[in-house]
Amino acid sequence: EPVPPYHPFEPTTMSGDDRKASDPPCQVLFRSKKGVQLHSVPPSPSNPSGISLASGLTTLHSFNPNGSSVLVHKPSVGVIRCDLKSPSPATDVAFLANSERVQMLTHSTNGSYIVTWERAAKPSSEGEAPPPNLKIWSALDGEYLHGFLLKNLKRESWPAVKWTHDEKFAFHMVTNELHVYDGHGFGKDEVRYSGRVRCSGISSFDLPSKCSVECPTSPPPGKYL
């Protein structure tokens, strides 16, 4: 007797209750002019839908890759953090200090760090360099760790700092080069890149989701691309 062909969408023998218990809830974030809402699909008593996380105008958001929280930018307040494990309205207190002017926002690969960009401010006095406007923060407590000056940013070039899949190394794109840093070294007193990749005219770059990366003092061209 011929065996019927396998169909990838055939129902399994798992009961509906078992499937619901094993599957994590699907959460969808809605941002509008009135605020931010979190919806669960499908809704359930333990995962209700339509929970308000923030009210008022928002411009940006970024989910932590581990699903624990979402960062939301409110121009009047700055970047706030909303808990997704026990969703409830977040207070209008900035998680990242002085972040009202932030225009770009993202997390590192595993969610340990936050990267923001805002337009460069004018120097406080003549002859001084403008303060850093490409900033790296701790996602644990919102502490500012390190900053770079990046006057102009194209959307295709964001983020200008990216981490490897294990966050062991971080890559910072500058003019014609990628600078390689210790991925967990931005909070140290002295921050220096340990290697660089020369790439004339580079405007964007990406890293594989999983790989084994070695970082010699002078990386060979193209090794990380």
C-alpha atoms as a PDB file:
ATOM      1  CA  GLU A   1       0.000   0.000   0.000  1.00  0.00           C
ATOM      2  CA  PRO A   2       1.553   3.392  -0.971  1.00  0.00           C
ATOM      3  CA  VAL A   3       2.626   5.670   1.843  1.00  0.00           C
ATOM      4  CA  PRO A   4       0.890   9.062   1.740  1.00  0.00           C
ATOM      5  CA  PRO A   5       3.304  11.977   1.182  1.00  0.00           C
ATOM      6  CA  TYR A   6       4.461  13.912   4.197  1.00  0.00           C
ATOM      7  CA  HIS A   7       2.892  17.328   4.593  1.00  0.00           C
ATOM      8  CA  PRO A   8       4.781  19.745   6.837  1.00  0.00           C
ATOM      9  CA  PHE A   9       1.564  21.358   8.050  1.00  0.00           C
ATOM     10  CA  GLU A  10      -0.248  18.186   9.076  1.00  0.00           C
ATOM     11  CA  PRO A  11      -1.588  18.366  12.646  1.00  0.00           C
ATOM     12  CA  THR A  12       0.536  16.592  15.233  1.00  0.00           C
ATOM     13  CA  THR A  13      -0.637  14.179  17.884  1.00  0.00           C
ATOM     14  CA  MET A  14       0.024  16.783  20.590  1.00  0.00           C
ATOM     15  CA  SER A  15      -3.178  17.901  22.247  1.00  0.00           C
ATOM     16  CA  GLY A  16      -4.252  21.506  22.154  1.00  0.00           C
ATOM     17  CA  ASP A  17      -3.619  21.973  25.877  1.00  0.00           C
ATOM     18  CA  ASP A  18      -0.103  20.501  25.613  1.00  0.00           C
ATOM     19  CA  ARG A  19       0.691  22.699  22.628  1.00  0.00           C
ATOM     20  CA  LYS A  20      -0.489  25.836  24.408  1.00  0.00           C
ATOM     21  CA  ALA A  21       1.562  24.966  27.482  1.00  0.00           C
ATOM     22  CA  SER A  22       4.740  24.365  25.472  1.00  0.00           C
ATOM     23  CA  ASP A  23       4.555  27.321  23.097  1.00  0.00           C
ATOM     24  CA  PRO A  24       5.689  30.751  24.318  1.00  0.00           C
ATOM     25  CA  PRO A  25       3.132  33.528  23.856  1.00  0.00           C
ATOM     26  CA  CYS A  26       3.347  35.587  20.671  1.00  0.00           C
ATOM     27  CA  GLN A  27       3.491  39.253  21.600  1.00  0.00           C
ATOM     28  CA  VAL A  28       2.875  42.103  19.167  1.00  0.00           C
ATOM     29  CA  LEU A  29       3.726  45.715  19.937  1.00  0.00           C
ATOM     30  CA  PHE A  30       1.524  48.521  18.593  1.00  0.00           C
ATOM     31  CA  ARG A  31       2.752  52.124  18.566  1.00  0.00           C
ATOM     32  CA  SER A  32       0.404  54.988  17.728  1.00  0.00           C
ATOM     33  CA  LYS A  33       0.090  58.685  18.439  1.00  0.00           C
ATOM     34  CA  LYS A  34      -1.812  57.793  21.606  1.00  0.00           C
ATOM     35  CA  GLY A  35       0.689  55.380  23.080  1.00  0.00           C
ATOM     36  CA  VAL A  36       2.128  51.870  23.068  1.00  0.00           C
ATOM     37  CA  GLN A  37       0.124  48.684  23.557  1.00  0.00           C
ATOM     38  CA  LEU A  38       1.153  45.049  23.902  1.00  0.00           C
ATOM     39  CA  HIS A  39      -1.099  42.385  22.379  1.00  0.00           C
ATOM     40  CA  SER A  40      -0.859  38.617  22.871  1.00  0.00           C
ATOM     41  CA  VAL A  41      -1.840  36.236  20.060  1.00  0.00           C
ATOM     42  CA  PRO A  42      -3.989  34.449  20.976  1.00  0.00           C
ATOM     43  CA  PRO A  43      -4.941  36.205  24.224  1.00  0.00           C
ATOM     44  CA  SER A  44      -5.369  34.148  27.378  1.00  0.00           C
ATOM     45  CA  PRO A  45      -5.948  34.818  31.082  1.00  0.00           C
ATOM     46  CA  SER A  46      -2.202  34.536  31.718  1.00  0.00           C
ATOM     47  CA  ASN A  47      -1.329  36.601  28.616  1.00  0.00           C
ATOM     48  CA  PRO A  48      -4.045  39.221  28.167  1.00  0.00           C
ATOM     49  CA  SER A  49      -4.130  41.427  25.090  1.00  0.00           C
ATOM     50  CA  GLY A  50      -4.190  45.200  24.802  1.00  0.00           C
ATOM     51  CA  ILE A  51      -1.995  46.098  27.795  1.00  0.00           C
ATOM     52  CA  SER A  52      -0.924  49.741  27.750  1.00  0.00           C
ATOM     53  CA  LEU A  53       2.843  50.156  28.197  1.00  0.00           C
ATOM     54  CA  ALA A  54       3.206  53.874  27.564  1.00  0.00           C
ATOM     55  CA  SER A  55       0.968  56.817  26.753  1.00  0.00           C
ATOM     56  CA  GLY A  56       1.620  59.739  24.450  1.00  0.00           C
ATOM     57  CA  LEU A  57       3.766  60.192  21.370  1.00  0.00           C
ATOM     58  CA  THR A  58       6.674  57.792  20.811  1.00  0.00           C
ATOM     59  CA  THR A  59       9.181  57.671  17.969  1.00  0.00           C
ATOM     60  CA  LEU A  60      11.344  54.540  18.348  1.00  0.00           C
ATOM     61  CA  HIS A  61      11.439  51.144  20.006  1.00  0.00           C
ATOM     62  CA  SER A  62      13.825  48.201  20.302  1.00  0.00           C
ATOM     63  CA  PHE A  63      13.121  44.749  21.724  1.00  0.00           C
ATOM     64  CA  ASN A  64      15.721  43.079  23.887  1.00  0.00           C
ATOM     65  CA  PRO A  65      16.587  39.859  21.963  1.00  0.00           C
ATOM     66  CA  ASN A  66      15.849  37.761  25.061  1.00  0.00           C
ATOM     67  CA  GLY A  67      12.265  39.035  25.091  1.00  0.00           C
ATOM     68  CA  SER A  68      12.445  40.443  28.615  1.00  0.00           C
ATOM     69  CA  SER A  69      11.821  44.098  27.799  1.00  0.00           C
ATOM     70  CA  VAL A  70      11.369  46.717  25.124  1.00  0.00           C
ATOM     71  CA  LEU A  71      12.898  50.182  24.984  1.00  0.00           C
ATOM     72  CA  VAL A  72      10.618  52.996  23.843  1.00  0.00           C
ATOM     73  CA  HIS A  73      11.652  56.557  23.024  1.00  0.00           C
ATOM     74  CA  LYS A  74       9.391  59.387  24.136  1.00  0.00           C
ATOM     75  CA  PRO A  75      10.637  62.794  22.928  1.00  0.00           C
ATOM     76  CA  SER A  76       9.411  64.497  26.093  1.00  0.00           C
ATOM     77  CA  VAL A  77      11.123  62.021  28.433  1.00  0.00           C
ATOM     78  CA  GLY A  78      13.827  60.035  26.626  1.00  0.00           C
ATOM     79  CA  VAL A  79      14.290  56.277  26.349  1.00  0.00           C
ATOM     80  CA  ILE A  80      12.175  54.327  28.839  1.00  0.00           C
ATOM     81  CA  ARG A  81      12.173  50.577  29.491  1.00  0.00           C
ATOM     82  CA  CYS A  82       8.980  48.514  29.531  1.00  0.00           C
ATOM     83  CA  ASP A  83       8.939  45.105  31.210  1.00  0.00           C
ATOM     84  CA  LEU A  84       7.470  42.323  29.049  1.00  0.00           C
ATOM     85  CA  LYS A  85       7.587  39.535  31.635  1.00  0.00           C
ATOM     86  CA  SER A  86       5.019  41.303  33.799  1.00  0.00           C
ATOM     87  CA  PRO A  87       3.633  43.950  31.419  1.00  0.00           C
ATOM     88  CA  SER A  88       2.294  47.111  33.014  1.00  0.00           C
ATOM     89  CA  PRO A  89       2.376  50.843  32.248  1.00  0.00           C
ATOM     90  CA  ALA A  90       5.938  52.166  32.492  1.00  0.00           C
ATOM     91  CA  THR A  91       6.709  55.278  34.476  1.00  0.00           C
ATOM     92  CA  ASP A  92       7.822  58.408  32.627  1.00  0.00           C
ATOM     93  CA  VAL A  93      11.357  58.101  33.937  1.00  0.00           C
ATOM     94  CA  ALA A  94      14.209  57.870  31.436  1.00  0.00           C
ATOM     95  CA  PHE A  95      16.131  54.588  31.538  1.00  0.00           C
ATOM     96  CA  LEU A  96      18.953  56.236  29.571  1.00  0.00           C
ATOM     97  CA  ALA A  97      19.992  59.613  30.965  1.00  0.00           C
ATOM     98  CA  ASN A  98      19.598  62.681  28.745  1.00  0.00           C
ATOM     99  CA  SER A  99      18.210  60.625  25.856  1.00  0.00           C
ATOM    100  CA  GLU A 100      15.458  62.980  24.704  1.00  0.00           C
ATOM    101  CA  ARG A 101      17.275  63.727  21.427  1.00  0.00           C
ATOM    102  CA  VAL A 102      17.900  60.082  20.449  1.00  0.00           C
ATOM    103  CA  GLN A 103      17.004  59.318  16.822  1.00  0.00           C
ATOM    104  CA  MET A 104      18.318  55.746  16.429  1.00  0.00           C
ATOM    105  CA  LEU A 105      18.118  52.904  18.939  1.00  0.00           C
ATOM    106  CA  THR A 106      19.072  49.210  19.000  1.00  0.00           C
ATOM    107  CA  HIS A 107      20.332  46.340  21.195  1.00  0.00           C
ATOM    108  CA  SER A 108      23.491  44.278  20.863  1.00  0.00           C
ATOM    109  CA  THR A 109      23.254  40.683  19.636  1.00  0.00           C
ATOM    110  CA  ASN A 110      22.445  39.108  23.009  1.00  0.00           C
ATOM    111  CA  GLY A 111      20.855  42.173  24.547  1.00  0.00           C
ATOM    112  CA  SER A 112      23.691  43.061  26.933  1.00  0.00           C
ATOM    113  CA  TYR A 113      24.195  46.541  25.470  1.00  0.00           C
ATOM    114  CA  ILE A 114      22.217  49.382  23.930  1.00  0.00           C
ATOM    115  CA  VAL A 115      23.416  51.625  21.100  1.00  0.00           C
ATOM    116  CA  THR A 116      21.911  55.062  20.442  1.00  0.00           C
ATOM    117  CA  TRP A 117      22.605  57.883  18.035  1.00  0.00           C
ATOM    118  CA  GLU A 118      21.531  61.504  18.111  1.00  0.00           C
ATOM    119  CA  ARG A 119      22.546  64.571  16.163  1.00  0.00           C
ATOM    120  CA  ALA A 120      25.896  65.944  17.269  1.00  0.00           C
ATOM    121  CA  ALA A 121      25.655  68.831  19.700  1.00  0.00           C
ATOM    122  CA  LYS A 122      27.763  71.953  19.506  1.00  0.00           C
ATOM    123  CA  PRO A 123      30.949  72.057  21.601  1.00  0.00           C
ATOM    124  CA  SER A 124      30.550  73.674  25.004  1.00  0.00           C
ATOM    125  CA  SER A 125      33.369  76.084  24.216  1.00  0.00           C
ATOM    126  CA  GLU A 126      35.359  77.191  21.184  1.00  0.00           C
ATOM    127  CA  GLY A 127      38.192  74.859  20.225  1.00  0.00           C
ATOM    128  CA  GLU A 128      36.698  71.798  21.918  1.00  0.00           C
ATOM    129  CA  ALA A 129      35.456  68.709  20.094  1.00  0.00           C
ATOM    130  CA  PRO A 130      31.703  68.033  20.113  1.00  0.00           C
ATOM    131  CA  PRO A 131      30.576  65.538  22.772  1.00  0.00           C
ATOM    132  CA  PRO A 132      30.011  61.887  21.688  1.00  0.00           C
ATOM    133  CA  ASN A 133      26.669  61.280  20.019  1.00  0.00           C
ATOM    134  CA  LEU A 134      27.023  57.556  19.176  1.00  0.00           C
ATOM    135  CA  LYS A 135      26.632  56.037  22.636  1.00  0.00           C
ATOM    136  CA  ILE A 136      26.898  52.579  24.182  1.00  0.00           C
ATOM    137  CA  TRP A 137      24.945  51.765  27.347  1.00  0.00           C
ATOM    138  CA  SER A 138      24.519  48.835  29.695  1.00  0.00           C
ATOM    139  CA  ALA A 139      21.158  47.146  29.078  1.00  0.00           C
ATOM    140  CA  LEU A 140      21.169  45.909  32.681  1.00  0.00           C
ATOM    141  CA  ASP A 141      20.899  49.269  34.415  1.00  0.00           C
ATOM    142  CA  GLY A 142      21.108  51.925  31.682  1.00  0.00           C
ATOM    143  CA  GLU A 143      24.608  53.080  32.661  1.00  0.00           C
ATOM    144  CA  TYR A 144      26.459  55.063  30.000  1.00  0.00           C
ATOM    145  CA  LEU A 145      29.631  53.150  29.055  1.00  0.00           C
ATOM    146  CA  HIS A 146      31.339  54.787  26.086  1.00  0.00           C
ATOM    147  CA  GLY A 147      30.750  57.119  23.164  1.00  0.00           C
ATOM    148  CA  PHE A 148      32.046  58.036  19.722  1.00  0.00           C
ATOM    149  CA  LEU A 149      31.551  61.101  17.547  1.00  0.00           C
ATOM    150  CA  LEU A 150      29.533  60.357  14.405  1.00  0.00           C
ATOM    151  CA  LYS A 151      28.368  63.558  12.745  1.00  0.00           C
ATOM    152  CA  ASN A 152      26.461  62.059   9.828  1.00  0.00           C
ATOM    153  CA  LEU A 153      24.557  58.776   9.736  1.00  0.00           C
ATOM    154  CA  LYS A 154      22.687  57.112   6.898  1.00  0.00           C
ATOM    155  CA  ARG A 155      19.975  54.607   7.719  1.00  0.00           C
ATOM    156  CA  GLU A 156      21.773  51.934   5.692  1.00  0.00           C
ATOM    157  CA  SER A 157      24.802  52.334   7.958  1.00  0.00           C
ATOM    158  CA  TRP A 158      22.910  51.673  11.195  1.00  0.00           C
ATOM    159  CA  PRO A 159      23.984  50.400  13.596  1.00  0.00           C
ATOM    160  CA  ALA A 160      27.528  51.690  13.329  1.00  0.00           C
ATOM    161  CA  VAL A 161      28.573  49.358  16.168  1.00  0.00           C
ATOM    162  CA  LYS A 162      27.761  45.641  15.948  1.00  0.00           C
ATOM    163  CA  TRP A 163      28.680  42.636  18.079  1.00  0.00           C
ATOM    164  CA  THR A 164      29.501  39.084  17.081  1.00  0.00           C
ATOM    165  CA  HIS A 165      26.922  36.408  17.906  1.00  0.00           C
ATOM    166  CA  ASP A 166      28.534  35.751  21.305  1.00  0.00           C
ATOM    167  CA  GLU A 167      29.308  39.452  21.958  1.00  0.00           C
ATOM    168  CA  LYS A 168      32.994  38.563  22.310  1.00  0.00           C
ATOM    169  CA  PHE A 169      33.974  41.255  19.792  1.00  0.00           C
ATOM    170  CA  ALA A 170      32.416  44.539  18.735  1.00  0.00           C
ATOM    171  CA  PHE A 171      32.982  46.235  15.370  1.00  0.00           C
ATOM    172  CA  HIS A 172      32.808  49.996  14.941  1.00  0.00           C
ATOM    173  CA  MET A 173      32.529  51.348  11.408  1.00  0.00           C
ATOM    174  CA  VAL A 174      34.573  54.473  10.684  1.00  0.00           C
ATOM    175  CA  THR A 175      35.743  56.053   7.426  1.00  0.00           C
ATOM    176  CA  ASN A 176      37.220  53.300   5.226  1.00  0.00           C
ATOM    177  CA  GLU A 177      37.738  50.930   8.193  1.00  0.00           C
ATOM    178  CA  LEU A 178      36.183  48.641  10.775  1.00  0.00           C
ATOM    179  CA  HIS A 179      37.707  48.870  14.243  1.00  0.00           C
ATOM    180  CA  VAL A 180      37.598  45.722  16.377  1.00  0.00           C
ATOM    181  CA  TYR A 181      37.026  46.019  20.141  1.00  0.00           C
ATOM    182  CA  ASP A 182      36.665  43.729  23.103  1.00  0.00           C
ATOM    183  CA  GLY A 183      32.904  43.221  23.102  1.00  0.00           C
ATOM    184  CA  HIS A 184      32.679  43.661  26.867  1.00  0.00           C
ATOM    185  CA  GLY A 185      35.337  46.342  27.229  1.00  0.00           C
ATOM    186  CA  PHE A 186      33.373  49.547  26.704  1.00  0.00           C
ATOM    187  CA  GLY A 187      32.896  50.167  30.411  1.00  0.00           C
ATOM    188  CA  LYS A 188      36.613  50.126  31.162  1.00  0.00           C
ATOM    189  CA  ASP A 189      38.705  53.190  31.979  1.00  0.00           C
ATOM    190  CA  GLU A 190      40.682  52.923  28.746  1.00  0.00           C
ATOM    191  CA  VAL A 191      38.931  51.802  25.560  1.00  0.00           C
ATOM    192  CA  ARG A 192      41.083  50.989  22.533  1.00  0.00           C
ATOM    193  CA  TYR A 193      40.485  48.897  19.452  1.00  0.00           C
ATOM    194  CA  SER A 194      42.632  45.764  19.161  1.00  0.00           C
ATOM    195  CA  GLY A 195      42.448  45.342  15.394  1.00  0.00           C
ATOM    196  CA  ARG A 196      41.122  46.895  12.241  1.00  0.00           C
ATOM    197  CA  VAL A 197      39.899  45.875   8.808  1.00  0.00           C
ATOM    198  CA  ARG A 198      40.667  48.229   5.931  1.00  0.00           C
ATOM    199  CA  CYS A 199      37.755  48.566   3.510  1.00  0.00           C
ATOM    200  CA  SER A 200      37.844  51.615   1.254  1.00  0.00           C
ATOM    201  CA  GLY A 201      34.456  53.274   0.789  1.00  0.00           C
ATOM    202  CA  ILE A 202      32.599  51.055   3.276  1.00  0.00           C
ATOM    203  CA  SER A 203      29.061  52.279   3.981  1.00  0.00           C
ATOM    204  CA  SER A 204      27.540  49.286   5.800  1.00  0.00           C
ATOM    205  CA  PHE A 205      28.528  45.876   7.117  1.00  0.00           C
ATOM    206  CA  ASP A 206      27.035  42.814   8.754  1.00  0.00           C
ATOM    207  CA  LEU A 207      28.164  39.840  10.814  1.00  0.00           C
ATOM    208  CA  PRO A 208      27.067  36.179  10.642  1.00  0.00           C
ATOM    209  CA  SER A 209      24.610  34.978  13.267  1.00  0.00           C
ATOM    210  CA  LYS A 210      26.943  32.151  14.330  1.00  0.00           C
ATOM    211  CA  CYS A 211      30.653  31.719  13.708  1.00  0.00           C
ATOM    212  CA  SER A 212      34.023  31.280  15.350  1.00  0.00           C
ATOM    213  CA  VAL A 213      35.958  34.534  15.242  1.00  0.00           C
ATOM    214  CA  GLU A 214      39.604  35.038  16.062  1.00  0.00           C
ATOM    215  CA  CYS A 215      40.899  38.551  16.571  1.00  0.00           C
ATOM    216  CA  PRO A 216      44.637  38.997  15.889  1.00  0.00           C
ATOM    217  CA  THR A 217      46.252  42.382  16.373  1.00  0.00           C
ATOM    218  CA  SER A 218      46.124  43.077  12.622  1.00  0.00           C
ATOM    219  CA  PRO A 219      43.168  41.116  11.152  1.00  0.00           C
ATOM    220  CA  PRO A 220      43.536  40.121   7.486  1.00  0.00           C
ATOM    221  CA  PRO A 221      41.228  42.093   5.156  1.00  0.00           C
ATOM    222  CA  GLY A 222      37.765  40.615   4.809  1.00  0.00           C
ATOM    223  CA  LYS A 223      38.124  38.088   7.629  1.00  0.00           C
ATOM    224  CA  TYR A 224      35.092  39.416   9.503  1.00  0.00           C
ATOM    225  CA  LEU A 225      32.877  40.295   6.556  1.00  0.00           C
END
